Amino acid sequence: HLTTSLPLPSERDHLRPRIDMIVFMIDIKSKCSLKNVEASLAHVDASFFLGKVCFLVTGVGRVNYCSVDMNAIWKLGEVYCSPVLFCELELEGVRVATAQRLLRMLQICAGHIPGVSALSFGTLMRSSADD
């Protein structure tokens, strides 16, 4: 399910499926995109930041058109203990690889991968980023 901002409208709460993972998309060419994500973060339960949130930064192939400060994006990942993924949506191979990675993360967050929890996965993501 997709939404452009949070909070979600409450009138359809009874029809909404369980939310296993939240991917915040930030377009590197749009300051508005980052501000929208920052405003939406206040509406996410703190327990989701234990391995069930990630930030997906798009448009990274166009650093010349970058409007968003990369340090602000890295800080979001750090403050919310959530992985930051980068993707160029216009390149099919990168788009497919990113979709597969997100799908695998979702499977872990939803509890469909035995022996791996969202919390341990989040720790692994941070550990590999530090190396």
Protein backbone atom coordinates (compact mmCIF):
# COMPACT_ATOMS: atom_id res chain seq x y z
CA HIS A 1 0.00 0.00 0.00
CA LEU A 2 1.22 3.48 -0.79
CA THR A 3 0.58 6.84 0.80
CA THR A 4 2.12 10.24 0.25
CA SER A 5 2.20 11.15 3.95
CA LEU A 6 1.28 10.07 7.47
CA PRO A 7 -0.90 9.77 9.47
CA LEU A 8 -3.12 7.38 7.56
CA PRO A 9 -6.82 8.26 7.53
CA SER A 10 -8.57 6.54 10.44
CA GLU A 11 -11.89 5.90 8.68
CA ARG A 12 -10.52 2.77 6.99
CA ASP A 13 -8.61 1.37 9.98
CA HIS A 14 -10.86 -1.69 10.17
CA LEU A 15 -10.05 -2.59 6.53
CA ARG A 16 -6.32 -1.92 6.67
CA PRO A 17 -4.03 -4.97 6.72
CA ARG A 18 -1.27 -5.26 9.29
CA ILE A 19 1.69 -2.98 8.54
CA ASP A 20 4.92 -5.00 8.62
CA MET A 21 7.35 -2.44 7.24
CA ILE A 22 7.47 1.23 6.32
CA VAL A 23 9.69 2.49 3.50
CA PHE A 24 10.11 6.25 3.44
CA MET A 25 11.06 7.39 -0.06
CA ILE A 26 13.15 10.51 -0.44
CA ASP A 27 13.72 12.01 -3.89
CA ILE A 28 17.20 13.50 -3.80
CA LYS A 29 16.03 16.22 -6.22
CA SER A 30 13.21 17.44 -3.93
CA LYS A 31 13.57 19.22 -0.59
CA CYS A 32 9.78 18.88 -0.25
CA SER A 33 10.22 15.10 -0.33
CA LEU A 34 12.58 15.18 2.67
CA LYS A 35 10.34 17.60 4.59
CA ASN A 36 7.33 15.34 4.00
CA VAL A 37 9.24 12.31 5.35
CA GLU A 38 10.42 14.28 8.37
CA ALA A 39 6.85 15.40 9.13
CA SER A 40 5.52 11.85 8.69
CA LEU A 41 8.05 10.32 11.08
CA ALA A 42 6.24 11.85 14.06
CA HIS A 43 3.24 9.64 13.29
CA VAL A 44 5.12 6.33 13.43
CA ASP A 45 5.02 4.28 16.62
CA ALA A 46 8.47 4.06 18.21
CA SER A 47 8.39 0.24 18.08
CA PHE A 48 8.55 0.37 14.27
CA PHE A 49 12.03 1.83 14.40
CA LEU A 50 13.30 -1.50 15.71
CA GLY A 51 13.99 -2.98 12.29
CA LYS A 52 10.75 -2.18 10.46
CA VAL A 53 11.57 1.17 8.85
CA CYS A 54 13.99 2.06 6.09
CA PHE A 55 14.71 5.12 4.01
CA LEU A 56 14.92 4.71 0.23
CA VAL A 57 16.72 7.55 -1.51
CA THR A 58 15.92 7.84 -5.22
CA GLY A 59 17.58 9.82 -7.99
CA VAL A 60 21.09 9.15 -6.75
CA GLY A 61 22.44 8.97 -10.30
CA ARG A 62 21.88 12.70 -10.63
CA VAL A 63 24.02 14.23 -7.94
CA ASN A 64 24.33 17.38 -10.06
CA TYR A 65 20.61 17.99 -9.48
CA CYS A 66 20.74 17.18 -5.76
CA SER A 67 18.54 19.47 -3.65
CA VAL A 68 18.69 17.40 -0.47
CA ASP A 69 21.63 17.51 1.91
CA MET A 70 23.03 13.97 2.11
CA ASN A 71 24.08 14.55 5.71
CA ALA A 72 20.41 15.12 6.60
CA ILE A 73 19.52 11.74 5.08
CA TRP A 74 22.35 9.92 6.88
CA LYS A 75 21.26 11.62 10.11
CA LEU A 76 17.70 10.29 9.66
CA GLY A 77 19.05 6.76 9.39
CA GLU A 78 21.24 7.27 12.42
CA VAL A 79 18.61 8.97 14.63
CA TYR A 80 15.92 6.41 13.79
CA CYS A 81 18.31 3.41 13.78
CA SER A 82 17.07 2.52 10.31
CA PRO A 83 18.90 1.53 7.12
CA VAL A 84 19.31 3.99 4.24
CA LEU A 85 19.14 2.45 0.76
CA PHE A 86 20.04 4.26 -2.46
CA CYS A 87 18.45 3.63 -5.85
CA GLU A 88 18.36 5.05 -9.34
CA LEU A 89 14.84 4.21 -10.52
CA GLU A 90 15.65 4.88 -14.17
CA LEU A 91 18.14 2.00 -14.35
CA GLU A 92 16.20 -1.26 -14.66
CA GLY A 93 18.88 -3.47 -13.12
CA VAL A 94 19.23 -1.22 -10.07
CA ARG A 95 15.45 -0.89 -9.78
CA VAL A 96 14.98 -4.68 -9.87
CA ALA A 97 17.80 -5.30 -7.37
CA THR A 98 16.37 -2.67 -5.01
CA ALA A 99 12.87 -4.16 -5.29
CA GLN A 100 14.26 -7.61 -4.50
CA ARG A 101 16.15 -6.25 -1.51
CA LEU A 102 13.04 -4.48 -0.21
CA LEU A 103 10.98 -7.63 -0.71
CA ARG A 104 13.51 -9.65 1.29
CA MET A 105 13.46 -7.03 4.04
CA LEU A 106 9.66 -7.17 4.07
CA GLN A 107 9.70 -10.97 4.34
CA ILE A 108 11.96 -10.65 7.38
CA CYS A 109 9.84 -7.88 8.94
CA ALA A 110 6.67 -9.94 8.41
CA GLY A 111 8.26 -12.95 10.13
CA HIS A 112 8.38 -15.19 7.06
CA ILE A 113 12.10 -16.00 7.34
CA PRO A 114 12.71 -18.48 10.16
CA GLY A 115 15.48 -17.55 12.57
CA VAL A 116 15.77 -13.91 11.50
CA SER A 117 13.84 -11.14 13.22
CA ALA A 118 13.41 -7.57 12.05
CA LEU A 119 15.42 -6.43 15.06
CA SER A 120 18.38 -8.70 14.32
CA PHE A 121 18.20 -7.78 10.63
CA GLY A 122 18.39 -4.08 11.52
CA THR A 123 21.47 -4.76 13.63
CA LEU A 124 23.10 -6.66 10.75
CA MET A 125 22.36 -3.79 8.35
CA ARG A 126 23.99 -1.28 10.70
CA SER A 127 27.00 -3.53 11.32
CA SER A 128 27.66 -4.01 7.60
CA ALA A 129 27.35 -0.26 6.97
CA ASP A 130 29.98 0.42 9.65
CA ASP A 131 32.58 -1.90 8.05
